[in-house]
Amino acid sequence: MLPVSLIIPVYNESGAIDDLKRRLHGVQKKLTPDSEIILVDDGSTDGSAVSLDAVVAASNGSLRLIRHATNRGYGAALKTGIEEARHPWIAIADADGTYPIGRLPELIAEIEAGARMAIGARRASDLFWLRRPPKAFLRALASYLAGRRIPDLNSGLRVFAREDARELRKLLPDGFSFTTTITMALMTAGQKVSFIPIRYKGRIGSSKIRPIRDTMNFLTLICRISMAFRPLRVFGPTGLGLLGLGVLFLVLRFLGFEIAVATTVFLLVGGMQLIGLGLLADLVNRRG
């Protein structure tokens, strides 16, 4: 089995540290002896820092602890861990007890079989019911834009290449959108991404996610990444829609309906411009 650097961001998870210690002890037995576990304390203020010190001190050097002086965000904590990692393959998990980190060997096996990234895909029924509709919409949109089905867009249990994260560093945000971004970037680039179904448990402690704001950020991010890698998926349908509507208005005018010429011209020209822009962006993307 490939050795990995397992990175776990921690921010104000004092209630979950004891459970995390138990789970890490279990996963260490399943990983190769030369794998490493890196805990990144992202500026915790609730006593997590003291608890982490005790966990690391009792680990006999098997755990590494890195600290941010202030809270910089989930993605920033992962970036710090990635830069400090010793191995070319990175595994990530959360500290809140939601992900079955004992399933990591299965994800690593997908990497050994040729996947560039392996993701633990949560079941929709395991998520809080209010989060299911926006998650389903974002998944459907992301799947269309990527041209491939995406069972779980932003799962926090995955294995990926350190090299990819470094190459995408400027695109990867410091917040929770880190996982969404790297998923969209690799899938729209045509890389092999494997999904393994997992069970997702309720978290220990309170969530740091802001549902409305984070959903809107995810939506913007999905479109931005798709425009960077597959612009025709965005510009093409929009341009064709405007062009089709313009043709419809033109036919209706010939049939005697009172439709403003300016509106028809705007739709026709706007549609052709968007299609042309999409083709140009796609050409630039392929040449780059």
C-alpha atoms as a PDB file:
ATOM      1  CA  MET A   1       0.000   0.000   0.000  1.00  0.00           C
ATOM      2  CA  LEU A   2       1.206   3.496  -0.824  1.00  0.00           C
ATOM      3  CA  PRO A   3       2.367   5.654   2.086  1.00  0.00           C
ATOM      4  CA  VAL A   4       0.315   8.840   2.514  1.00  0.00           C
ATOM      5  CA  SER A   5       0.437  12.065   4.450  1.00  0.00           C
ATOM      6  CA  LEU A   6      -2.890  12.297   6.298  1.00  0.00           C
ATOM      7  CA  ILE A   7      -3.781  15.926   7.040  1.00  0.00           C
ATOM      8  CA  ILE A   8      -6.498  16.819   9.542  1.00  0.00           C
ATOM      9  CA  PRO A   9      -7.411  20.499  10.081  1.00  0.00           C
ATOM     10  CA  VAL A  10      -8.631  21.325  13.577  1.00  0.00           C
ATOM     11  CA  TYR A  11     -10.502  24.465  14.561  1.00  0.00           C
ATOM     12  CA  ASN A  12     -12.375  24.687  17.871  1.00  0.00           C
ATOM     13  CA  GLU A  13     -13.050  20.954  18.129  1.00  0.00           C
ATOM     14  CA  SER A  14     -12.336  20.494  21.842  1.00  0.00           C
ATOM     15  CA  GLY A  15     -15.293  18.153  22.254  1.00  0.00           C
ATOM     16  CA  ALA A  16     -14.049  15.864  19.484  1.00  0.00           C
ATOM     17  CA  ILE A  17     -10.358  15.531  20.406  1.00  0.00           C
ATOM     18  CA  ASP A  18     -10.740  12.392  22.547  1.00  0.00           C
ATOM     19  CA  ASP A  19     -12.706  10.680  19.781  1.00  0.00           C
ATOM     20  CA  LEU A  20     -10.138  11.860  17.222  1.00  0.00           C
ATOM     21  CA  LYS A  21      -7.331  10.340  19.306  1.00  0.00           C
ATOM     22  CA  ARG A  22      -9.131   6.984  19.329  1.00  0.00           C
ATOM     23  CA  ARG A  23      -9.812   7.057  15.580  1.00  0.00           C
ATOM     24  CA  LEU A  24      -6.236   8.039  14.732  1.00  0.00           C
ATOM     25  CA  HIS A  25      -4.922   5.163  16.785  1.00  0.00           C
ATOM     26  CA  GLY A  26      -7.118   2.844  14.732  1.00  0.00           C
ATOM     27  CA  VAL A  27      -6.186   4.234  11.325  1.00  0.00           C
ATOM     28  CA  GLN A  28      -2.449   4.145  12.093  1.00  0.00           C
ATOM     29  CA  LYS A  29      -2.701   0.349  12.222  1.00  0.00           C
ATOM     30  CA  LYS A  30      -4.184   0.308   8.705  1.00  0.00           C
ATOM     31  CA  LEU A  31      -1.716   2.654   7.007  1.00  0.00           C
ATOM     32  CA  THR A  32       1.876   1.807   6.104  1.00  0.00           C
ATOM     33  CA  PRO A  33       4.420   2.347   8.898  1.00  0.00           C
ATOM     34  CA  ASP A  34       6.055   5.199   6.991  1.00  0.00           C
ATOM     35  CA  SER A  35       2.779   7.094   6.487  1.00  0.00           C
ATOM     36  CA  GLU A  36       2.447  10.263   8.522  1.00  0.00           C
ATOM     37  CA  ILE A  37      -0.405  12.090  10.248  1.00  0.00           C
ATOM     38  CA  ILE A  38      -0.318  15.892  10.379  1.00  0.00           C
ATOM     39  CA  LEU A  39      -2.698  17.829  12.625  1.00  0.00           C
ATOM     40  CA  VAL A  40      -3.093  21.515  11.727  1.00  0.00           C
ATOM     41  CA  ASP A  41      -4.490  23.639  14.543  1.00  0.00           C
ATOM     42  CA  ASP A  42      -6.063  26.545  12.668  1.00  0.00           C
ATOM     43  CA  GLY A  43      -5.951  29.092  15.476  1.00  0.00           C
ATOM     44  CA  SER A  44      -8.320  27.320  17.892  1.00  0.00           C
ATOM     45  CA  THR A  45      -9.532  29.379  20.861  1.00  0.00           C
ATOM     46  CA  ASP A  46     -11.646  26.827  22.762  1.00  0.00           C
ATOM     47  CA  GLY A  47      -9.016  24.682  24.437  1.00  0.00           C
ATOM     48  CA  SER A  48      -8.377  22.435  21.437  1.00  0.00           C
ATOM     49  CA  ALA A  49      -4.732  23.533  21.400  1.00  0.00           C
ATOM     50  CA  VAL A  50      -4.085  22.138  24.892  1.00  0.00           C
ATOM     51  CA  SER A  51      -5.871  18.878  24.071  1.00  0.00           C
ATOM     52  CA  LEU A  52      -3.892  18.507  20.832  1.00  0.00           C
ATOM     53  CA  ASP A  53      -0.624  19.020  22.718  1.00  0.00           C
ATOM     54  CA  ALA A  54      -1.551  16.138  25.007  1.00  0.00           C
ATOM     55  CA  VAL A  55      -2.505  13.878  22.084  1.00  0.00           C
ATOM     56  CA  VAL A  56       0.732  14.578  20.227  1.00  0.00           C
ATOM     57  CA  ALA A  57       2.849  14.178  23.375  1.00  0.00           C
ATOM     58  CA  ALA A  58       1.303  10.731  23.956  1.00  0.00           C
ATOM     59  CA  SER A  59       1.846   9.621  20.341  1.00  0.00           C
ATOM     60  CA  ASN A  60       5.579   8.899  20.718  1.00  0.00           C
ATOM     61  CA  GLY A  61       6.379  10.999  17.662  1.00  0.00           C
ATOM     62  CA  SER A  62       3.824   9.358  15.351  1.00  0.00           C
ATOM     63  CA  LEU A  63       1.786  12.580  15.049  1.00  0.00           C
ATOM     64  CA  ARG A  64       2.954  15.996  13.863  1.00  0.00           C
ATOM     65  CA  LEU A  65       1.274  19.213  14.983  1.00  0.00           C
ATOM     66  CA  ILE A  66       1.403  22.487  13.058  1.00  0.00           C
ATOM     67  CA  ARG A  67      -0.181  25.683  14.340  1.00  0.00           C
ATOM     68  CA  HIS A  68      -1.633  28.817  12.781  1.00  0.00           C
ATOM     69  CA  ALA A  69      -1.428  31.810  15.082  1.00  0.00           C
ATOM     70  CA  THR A  70      -4.901  32.894  13.944  1.00  0.00           C
ATOM     71  CA  ASN A  71      -7.785  31.225  12.173  1.00  0.00           C
ATOM     72  CA  ARG A  72      -7.071  31.259   8.428  1.00  0.00           C
ATOM     73  CA  GLY A  73      -9.650  28.813   7.128  1.00  0.00           C
ATOM     74  CA  TYR A  74     -10.102  25.130   6.288  1.00  0.00           C
ATOM     75  CA  GLY A  75      -8.389  25.392   2.909  1.00  0.00           C
ATOM     76  CA  ALA A  76      -5.486  27.355   4.356  1.00  0.00           C
ATOM     77  CA  ALA A  77      -4.945  24.647   6.984  1.00  0.00           C
ATOM     78  CA  LEU A  78      -4.853  21.989   4.248  1.00  0.00           C
ATOM     79  CA  LYS A  79      -2.399  24.041   2.196  1.00  0.00           C
ATOM     80  CA  THR A  80      -0.082  24.333   5.206  1.00  0.00           C
ATOM     81  CA  GLY A  81      -0.233  20.590   5.755  1.00  0.00           C
ATOM     82  CA  ILE A  82       0.393  19.879   2.071  1.00  0.00           C
ATOM     83  CA  GLU A  83       3.512  22.054   2.051  1.00  0.00           C
ATOM     84  CA  GLU A  84       4.832  20.213   5.116  1.00  0.00           C
ATOM     85  CA  ALA A  85       3.916  16.729   3.836  1.00  0.00           C
ATOM     86  CA  ARG A  86       6.673  14.239   3.122  1.00  0.00           C
ATOM     87  CA  HIS A  87       4.776  11.955   0.748  1.00  0.00           C
ATOM     88  CA  PRO A  88       3.531  12.546  -2.828  1.00  0.00           C
ATOM     89  CA  TRP A  89       0.011  11.371  -1.950  1.00  0.00           C
ATOM     90  CA  ILE A  90      -2.173  13.393   0.408  1.00  0.00           C
ATOM     91  CA  ALA A  91      -5.117  12.071   2.413  1.00  0.00           C
ATOM     92  CA  ILE A  92      -7.476  14.450   4.220  1.00  0.00           C
ATOM     93  CA  ALA A  93     -10.178  13.988   6.841  1.00  0.00           C
ATOM     94  CA  ASP A  94     -12.068  16.124   9.349  1.00  0.00           C
ATOM     95  CA  ALA A  95     -11.584  16.184  13.106  1.00  0.00           C
ATOM     96  CA  ASP A  96     -15.296  16.241  13.977  1.00  0.00           C
ATOM     97  CA  GLY A  97     -15.988  12.501  13.813  1.00  0.00           C
ATOM     98  CA  THR A  98     -18.142  12.587  10.674  1.00  0.00           C
ATOM     99  CA  TYR A  99     -15.921  10.641   8.266  1.00  0.00           C
ATOM    100  CA  PRO A 100     -14.896   6.963   8.601  1.00  0.00           C
ATOM    101  CA  ILE A 101     -11.147   7.455   8.296  1.00  0.00           C
ATOM    102  CA  GLY A 102     -10.723   3.712   8.666  1.00  0.00           C
ATOM    103  CA  ARG A 103     -11.856   3.471   5.025  1.00  0.00           C
ATOM    104  CA  LEU A 104      -8.723   5.251   3.795  1.00  0.00           C
ATOM    105  CA  PRO A 105      -7.034   2.011   2.620  1.00  0.00           C
ATOM    106  CA  GLU A 106      -9.914   1.559   0.144  1.00  0.00           C
ATOM    107  CA  LEU A 107      -9.315   5.033  -1.259  1.00  0.00           C
ATOM    108  CA  ILE A 108      -5.583   4.377  -1.463  1.00  0.00           C
ATOM    109  CA  ALA A 109      -6.331   1.163  -3.383  1.00  0.00           C
ATOM    110  CA  GLU A 110      -8.169   3.273  -6.004  1.00  0.00           C
ATOM    111  CA  ILE A 111      -5.057   5.428  -6.357  1.00  0.00           C
ATOM    112  CA  GLU A 112      -2.933   2.315  -6.820  1.00  0.00           C
ATOM    113  CA  ALA A 113      -5.389   1.200  -9.527  1.00  0.00           C
ATOM    114  CA  GLY A 114      -4.776   4.402 -11.507  1.00  0.00           C
ATOM    115  CA  ALA A 115      -7.086   7.081 -10.085  1.00  0.00           C
ATOM    116  CA  ARG A 116      -5.663  10.576  -9.709  1.00  0.00           C
ATOM    117  CA  MET A 117      -8.027  11.278  -6.817  1.00  0.00           C
ATOM    118  CA  ALA A 118     -10.235   8.997  -4.700  1.00  0.00           C
ATOM    119  CA  ILE A 119     -13.186  10.427  -2.772  1.00  0.00           C
ATOM    120  CA  GLY A 120     -15.375   8.994  -0.032  1.00  0.00           C
ATOM    121  CA  ALA A 121     -18.873   9.768  -1.364  1.00  0.00           C
ATOM    122  CA  ARG A 122     -21.508  10.417   1.288  1.00  0.00           C
ATOM    123  CA  ARG A 123     -25.094   9.232   0.896  1.00  0.00           C
ATOM    124  CA  ALA A 124     -27.591  12.070   0.523  1.00  0.00           C
ATOM    125  CA  SER A 125     -29.763  10.486   3.215  1.00  0.00           C
ATOM    126  CA  ASP A 126     -26.918  10.879   5.736  1.00  0.00           C
ATOM    127  CA  LEU A 127     -26.934  14.664   5.345  1.00  0.00           C
ATOM    128  CA  PHE A 128     -29.155  17.032   7.351  1.00  0.00           C
ATOM    129  CA  TRP A 129     -32.431  17.309   5.415  1.00  0.00           C
ATOM    130  CA  LEU A 130     -32.189  21.100   4.918  1.00  0.00           C
ATOM    131  CA  ARG A 131     -28.820  20.640   3.185  1.00  0.00           C
ATOM    132  CA  ARG A 132     -30.037  18.018   0.711  1.00  0.00           C
ATOM    133  CA  PRO A 133     -31.854  20.222  -1.887  1.00  0.00           C
ATOM    134  CA  PRO A 134     -29.016  22.746  -2.403  1.00  0.00           C
ATOM    135  CA  LYS A 135     -26.448  19.924  -2.370  1.00  0.00           C
ATOM    136  CA  ALA A 136     -28.438  18.023  -5.020  1.00  0.00           C
ATOM    137  CA  PHE A 137     -28.701  21.135  -7.210  1.00  0.00           C
ATOM    138  CA  LEU A 138     -24.988  21.915  -6.930  1.00  0.00           C
ATOM    139  CA  ARG A 139     -24.120  18.278  -7.669  1.00  0.00           C
ATOM    140  CA  ALA A 140     -26.318  18.244 -10.770  1.00  0.00           C
ATOM    141  CA  LEU A 141     -24.885  21.543 -12.027  1.00  0.00           C
ATOM    142  CA  ALA A 142     -21.304  20.440 -11.341  1.00  0.00           C
ATOM    143  CA  SER A 143     -21.894  17.101 -13.073  1.00  0.00           C
ATOM    144  CA  TYR A 144     -23.224  18.844 -16.170  1.00  0.00           C
ATOM    145  CA  LEU A 145     -20.371  21.340 -16.312  1.00  0.00           C
ATOM    146  CA  ALA A 146     -17.753  18.639 -15.718  1.00  0.00           C
ATOM    147  CA  GLY A 147     -19.388  16.312 -18.236  1.00  0.00           C
ATOM    148  CA  ARG A 148     -19.258  13.451 -15.719  1.00  0.00           C
ATOM    149  CA  ARG A 149     -21.402  12.327 -12.808  1.00  0.00           C
ATOM    150  CA  ILE A 150     -20.170  13.617  -9.457  1.00  0.00           C
ATOM    151  CA  PRO A 151     -21.694  11.657  -6.540  1.00  0.00           C
ATOM    152  CA  ASP A 152     -20.183  13.951  -3.891  1.00  0.00           C
ATOM    153  CA  LEU A 153     -18.715  17.325  -4.768  1.00  0.00           C
ATOM    154  CA  ASN A 154     -17.111  18.406  -1.514  1.00  0.00           C
ATOM    155  CA  SER A 155     -16.522  15.361   0.644  1.00  0.00           C
ATOM    156  CA  GLY A 156     -13.779  15.950   3.200  1.00  0.00           C
ATOM    157  CA  LEU A 157     -12.472  12.374   3.012  1.00  0.00           C
ATOM    158  CA  ARG A 158     -10.239  11.885  -0.010  1.00  0.00           C
ATOM    159  CA  VAL A 159      -6.775  11.047  -1.350  1.00  0.00           C
ATOM    160  CA  PHE A 160      -5.077  13.088  -4.074  1.00  0.00           C
ATOM    161  CA  ALA A 161      -1.678  13.936  -5.491  1.00  0.00           C
ATOM    162  CA  ARG A 162       0.355  16.582  -3.675  1.00  0.00           C
ATOM    163  CA  GLU A 163       1.622  17.717  -7.091  1.00  0.00           C
ATOM    164  CA  ASP A 164      -1.923  18.565  -8.256  1.00  0.00           C
ATOM    165  CA  ALA A 165      -2.642  20.603  -5.132  1.00  0.00           C
ATOM    166  CA  ARG A 166       0.575  22.552  -5.608  1.00  0.00           C
ATOM    167  CA  GLU A 167      -0.132  23.241  -9.280  1.00  0.00           C
ATOM    168  CA  LEU A 168      -3.655  24.424  -8.420  1.00  0.00           C
ATOM    169  CA  ARG A 169      -2.595  26.402  -5.338  1.00  0.00           C
ATOM    170  CA  LYS A 170      -3.614  29.788  -6.793  1.00  0.00           C
ATOM    171  CA  LEU A 171      -7.080  28.437  -7.597  1.00  0.00           C
ATOM    172  CA  LEU A 172      -7.630  26.639  -4.297  1.00  0.00           C
ATOM    173  CA  PRO A 173      -9.379  28.910  -1.772  1.00  0.00           C
ATOM    174  CA  ASP A 174      -8.569  29.209   1.914  1.00  0.00           C
ATOM    175  CA  GLY A 175     -12.141  28.373   2.967  1.00  0.00           C
ATOM    176  CA  PHE A 176     -14.440  25.347   2.764  1.00  0.00           C
ATOM    177  CA  SER A 177     -14.503  25.529  -1.055  1.00  0.00           C
ATOM    178  CA  PHE A 178     -11.067  23.871  -1.213  1.00  0.00           C
ATOM    179  CA  THR A 179     -12.559  20.414  -1.782  1.00  0.00           C
ATOM    180  CA  THR A 180     -15.135  21.657  -4.318  1.00  0.00           C
ATOM    181  CA  THR A 181     -12.420  23.427  -6.297  1.00  0.00           C
ATOM    182  CA  ILE A 182     -10.001  20.517  -6.510  1.00  0.00           C
ATOM    183  CA  THR A 183     -12.850  18.158  -7.479  1.00  0.00           C
ATOM    184  CA  MET A 184     -14.028  20.411 -10.330  1.00  0.00           C
ATOM    185  CA  ALA A 185     -10.491  21.216 -11.467  1.00  0.00           C
ATOM    186  CA  LEU A 186      -9.423  17.569 -11.818  1.00  0.00           C
ATOM    187  CA  MET A 187     -12.690  16.351 -13.301  1.00  0.00           C
ATOM    188  CA  THR A 188     -12.987  19.117 -15.896  1.00  0.00           C
ATOM    189  CA  ALA A 189      -9.351  18.449 -16.800  1.00  0.00           C
ATOM    190  CA  GLY A 190     -10.284  14.852 -17.607  1.00  0.00           C
ATOM    191  CA  GLN A 191      -8.409  13.207 -14.735  1.00  0.00           C
ATOM    192  CA  LYS A 192      -9.629   9.872 -13.363  1.00  0.00           C
ATOM    193  CA  VAL A 193     -11.519  10.430 -10.117  1.00  0.00           C
ATOM    194  CA  SER A 194     -12.946   7.460  -8.198  1.00  0.00           C
ATOM    195  CA  PHE A 195     -15.801   7.573  -5.688  1.00  0.00           C
ATOM    196  CA  ILE A 196     -16.232   5.054  -2.870  1.00  0.00           C
ATOM    197  CA  PRO A 197     -19.595   5.110  -0.994  1.00  0.00           C
ATOM    198  CA  ILE A 198     -19.204   5.838   2.723  1.00  0.00           C
ATOM    199  CA  ARG A 199     -21.473   6.448   5.708  1.00  0.00           C
ATOM    200  CA  TYR A 200     -21.450   9.963   7.126  1.00  0.00           C
ATOM    201  CA  LYS A 201     -22.193  10.418  10.824  1.00  0.00           C
ATOM    202  CA  GLY A 202     -23.411  13.454  12.736  1.00  0.00           C
ATOM    203  CA  ARG A 203     -20.587  15.741  13.777  1.00  0.00           C
ATOM    204  CA  ILE A 204     -19.340  16.241  17.316  1.00  0.00           C
ATOM    205  CA  GLY A 205     -19.854  19.905  18.255  1.00  0.00           C
ATOM    206  CA  SER A 206     -21.316  22.700  16.114  1.00  0.00           C
ATOM    207  CA  SER A 207     -20.805  23.147  12.378  1.00  0.00           C
ATOM    208  CA  LYS A 208     -18.714  26.016  10.974  1.00  0.00           C
ATOM    209  CA  ILE A 209     -20.634  25.961   7.660  1.00  0.00           C
ATOM    210  CA  ARG A 210     -22.805  29.015   6.807  1.00  0.00           C
ATOM    211  CA  PRO A 211     -25.509  27.397   4.623  1.00  0.00           C
ATOM    212  CA  ILE A 212     -26.749  30.313   2.487  1.00  0.00           C
ATOM    213  CA  ARG A 213     -23.460  32.147   2.074  1.00  0.00           C
ATOM    214  CA  ASP A 214     -21.418  28.988   1.475  1.00  0.00           C
ATOM    215  CA  THR A 215     -23.954  27.618  -1.027  1.00  0.00           C
ATOM    216  CA  MET A 216     -23.755  30.827  -3.067  1.00  0.00           C
ATOM    217  CA  ASN A 217     -19.955  30.714  -2.882  1.00  0.00           C
ATOM    218  CA  PHE A 218     -19.982  27.094  -4.078  1.00  0.00           C
ATOM    219  CA  LEU A 219     -22.291  28.002  -6.995  1.00  0.00           C
ATOM    220  CA  THR A 220     -20.040  30.878  -8.092  1.00  0.00           C
ATOM    221  CA  LEU A 221     -16.977  28.696  -7.697  1.00  0.00           C
ATOM    222  CA  ILE A 222     -18.386  25.838  -9.789  1.00  0.00           C
ATOM    223  CA  CYS A 223     -19.152  28.202 -12.678  1.00  0.00           C
ATOM    224  CA  ARG A 224     -15.767  29.921 -12.414  1.00  0.00           C
ATOM    225  CA  ILE A 225     -13.803  26.674 -12.454  1.00  0.00           C
ATOM    226  CA  SER A 226     -15.877  25.351 -15.364  1.00  0.00           C
ATOM    227  CA  MET A 227     -15.254  28.540 -17.349  1.00  0.00           C
ATOM    228  CA  ALA A 228     -11.548  28.118 -16.711  1.00  0.00           C
ATOM    229  CA  PHE A 229     -11.430  24.494 -17.911  1.00  0.00           C
ATOM    230  CA  ARG A 230     -14.559  23.925 -20.064  1.00  0.00           C
ATOM    231  CA  PRO A 231     -15.895  27.340 -21.121  1.00  0.00           C
ATOM    232  CA  LEU A 232     -18.153  25.949 -23.858  1.00  0.00           C
ATOM    233  CA  ARG A 233     -20.186  24.169 -21.194  1.00  0.00           C
ATOM    234  CA  VAL A 234     -21.114  27.620 -19.845  1.00  0.00           C
ATOM    235  CA  PHE A 235     -21.142  29.897 -22.894  1.00  0.00           C
ATOM    236  CA  GLY A 236     -22.492  27.345 -25.404  1.00  0.00           C
ATOM    237  CA  PRO A 237     -25.948  26.589 -23.939  1.00  0.00           C
ATOM    238  CA  THR A 238     -26.446  30.221 -22.858  1.00  0.00           C
ATOM    239  CA  GLY A 239     -25.578  31.499 -26.327  1.00  0.00           C
ATOM    240  CA  LEU A 240     -27.742  28.893 -28.045  1.00  0.00           C
ATOM    241  CA  GLY A 241     -30.613  29.772 -25.734  1.00  0.00           C
ATOM    242  CA  LEU A 242     -30.413  33.458 -26.613  1.00  0.00           C
ATOM    243  CA  LEU A 243     -29.994  32.663 -30.308  1.00  0.00           C
ATOM    244  CA  GLY A 244     -32.971  30.330 -30.284  1.00  0.00           C
ATOM    245  CA  LEU A 245     -35.113  32.906 -28.525  1.00  0.00           C
ATOM    246  CA  GLY A 246     -34.030  35.523 -31.054  1.00  0.00           C
ATOM    247  CA  VAL A 247     -35.013  33.248 -33.956  1.00  0.00           C
ATOM    248  CA  LEU A 248     -38.384  32.611 -32.294  1.00  0.00           C
ATOM    249  CA  PHE A 249     -39.010  36.356 -31.933  1.00  0.00           C
ATOM    250  CA  LEU A 250     -37.993  36.858 -35.564  1.00  0.00           C
ATOM    251  CA  VAL A 251     -40.525  34.232 -36.731  1.00  0.00           C
ATOM    252  CA  LEU A 252     -43.212  35.774 -34.559  1.00  0.00           C
ATOM    253  CA  ARG A 253     -42.547  39.175 -36.129  1.00  0.00           C
ATOM    254  CA  PHE A 254     -43.027  37.692 -39.612  1.00  0.00           C
ATOM    255  CA  LEU A 255     -46.308  36.204 -38.391  1.00  0.00           C
ATOM    256  CA  GLY A 256     -47.510  39.655 -37.400  1.00  0.00           C
ATOM    257  CA  PHE A 257     -46.819  39.812 -33.688  1.00  0.00           C
ATOM    258  CA  GLU A 258     -45.634  43.153 -32.347  1.00  0.00           C
ATOM    259  CA  ILE A 259     -42.162  42.414 -31.012  1.00  0.00           C
ATOM    260  CA  ALA A 260     -39.536  45.147 -30.779  1.00  0.00           C
ATOM    261  CA  VAL A 261     -36.809  44.894 -33.417  1.00  0.00           C
ATOM    262  CA  ALA A 262     -34.189  45.940 -30.878  1.00  0.00           C
ATOM    263  CA  THR A 263     -35.087  42.996 -28.614  1.00  0.00           C
ATOM    264  CA  THR A 264     -34.820  40.493 -31.481  1.00  0.00           C
ATOM    265  CA  VAL A 265     -31.508  41.924 -32.677  1.00  0.00           C
ATOM    266  CA  PHE A 266     -30.132  41.971 -29.135  1.00  0.00           C
ATOM    267  CA  LEU A 267     -30.978  38.277 -28.634  1.00  0.00           C
ATOM    268  CA  LEU A 268     -29.554  37.212 -31.997  1.00  0.00           C
ATOM    269  CA  VAL A 269     -26.344  39.205 -31.677  1.00  0.00           C
ATOM    270  CA  GLY A 270     -25.925  38.386 -27.992  1.00  0.00           C
ATOM    271  CA  GLY A 271     -26.349  34.668 -28.667  1.00  0.00           C
ATOM    272  CA  MET A 272     -23.785  34.673 -31.481  1.00  0.00           C
ATOM    273  CA  GLN A 273     -21.337  36.662 -29.382  1.00  0.00           C
ATOM    274  CA  LEU A 274     -21.581  34.246 -26.459  1.00  0.00           C
ATOM    275  CA  ILE A 275     -21.075  31.234 -28.709  1.00  0.00           C
ATOM    276  CA  GLY A 276     -18.105  32.950 -30.350  1.00  0.00           C
ATOM    277  CA  LEU A 277     -16.684  33.864 -26.940  1.00  0.00           C
ATOM    278  CA  GLY A 278     -17.080  30.265 -25.787  1.00  0.00           C
ATOM    279  CA  LEU A 279     -15.306  28.928 -28.877  1.00  0.00           C
ATOM    280  CA  LEU A 280     -12.480  31.432 -28.465  1.00  0.00           C
ATOM    281  CA  ALA A 281     -12.098  30.651 -24.753  1.00  0.00           C
ATOM    282  CA  ASP A 282     -12.097  26.926 -25.496  1.00  0.00           C
ATOM    283  CA  LEU A 283      -9.404  27.415 -28.159  1.00  0.00           C
ATOM    284  CA  VAL A 284      -7.238  29.434 -25.779  1.00  0.00           C
ATOM    285  CA  ASN A 285      -7.747  26.812 -23.062  1.00  0.00           C
ATOM    286  CA  ARG A 286      -6.725  23.950 -25.350  1.00  0.00           C
ATOM    287  CA  ARG A 287      -3.658  25.796 -26.650  1.00  0.00           C
ATOM    288  CA  GLY A 288      -2.635  26.635 -23.079  1.00  0.00           C
END
